[in-house]
């Protein structure tokens, strides 16, 4: 959680709010890879890419 607080503080101080959607998309893709790696949903996820 400290990382998220530091990241938010950086974006707030430097006015880099355009980074928020990029970070969210990267987190969602990472979550998709983790969930799809060892589940029965994996074949359906791999067809997306």
Protein backbone atom coordinates (compact mmCIF):
# COMPACT_ATOMS: atom_id res chain seq x y z
CA UNK A 1 0.00 0.00 0.00
CA UNK A 2 2.94 2.34 0.58
CA UNK A 3 3.87 1.99 -3.07
CA UNK A 4 0.40 3.11 -4.15
CA UNK A 5 0.51 6.07 -1.76
CA UNK A 6 3.93 7.10 -3.04
CA UNK A 7 2.79 6.72 -6.64
CA UNK A 8 -0.32 8.81 -6.01
CA UNK A 9 1.76 11.46 -4.25
CA UNK A 10 4.14 11.58 -7.21
CA UNK A 11 1.32 11.96 -9.72
CA UNK A 12 -0.37 14.61 -7.59
CA UNK A 13 2.80 16.65 -7.06
CA UNK A 14 4.09 16.48 -10.63
CA UNK A 15 0.63 16.77 -12.27
CA UNK A 16 1.14 13.46 -14.08
CA UNK A 17 -2.45 12.26 -13.85
CA UNK A 18 -2.23 10.81 -17.37
CA UNK A 19 -0.20 7.97 -15.81
CA UNK A 20 -3.23 6.66 -13.89
CA UNK A 21 -4.93 4.93 -16.87
CA UNK A 22 -1.62 3.40 -17.95
CA UNK A 23 -1.01 1.97 -14.49
CA UNK A 24 -4.58 0.67 -14.21
CA UNK A 25 -4.33 -1.11 -17.56
CA UNK A 26 -0.99 -2.68 -16.60
CA UNK A 27 -2.42 -3.87 -13.28
CA UNK A 28 -5.46 -5.37 -15.02
CA UNK A 29 -3.29 -7.18 -17.56
CA UNK A 30 -1.10 -8.53 -14.77
CA UNK A 31 -4.14 -9.72 -12.87
CA UNK A 32 -5.48 -11.38 -16.01
CA UNK A 33 -2.19 -13.22 -16.51
CA UNK A 34 -2.08 -14.38 -12.88
CA UNK A 35 -5.67 -15.58 -12.88
CA UNK A 36 -5.46 -17.15 -16.31
CA UNK A 37 -2.19 -18.92 -15.71
CA UNK A 38 -3.49 -21.81 -13.69
CA UNK A 39 -7.20 -21.96 -14.29
CA UNK A 40 -9.65 -23.53 -16.68
CA UNK A 41 -10.27 -20.07 -18.17
CA UNK A 42 -6.76 -19.98 -19.65
CA UNK A 43 -7.70 -21.22 -23.17
CA UNK A 44 -10.32 -18.47 -23.47
CA UNK A 45 -7.93 -15.77 -22.29
CA UNK A 46 -5.20 -16.83 -24.71
CA UNK A 47 -7.59 -16.46 -27.65
CA UNK A 48 -7.90 -12.76 -26.80
CA UNK A 49 -4.24 -12.25 -27.58
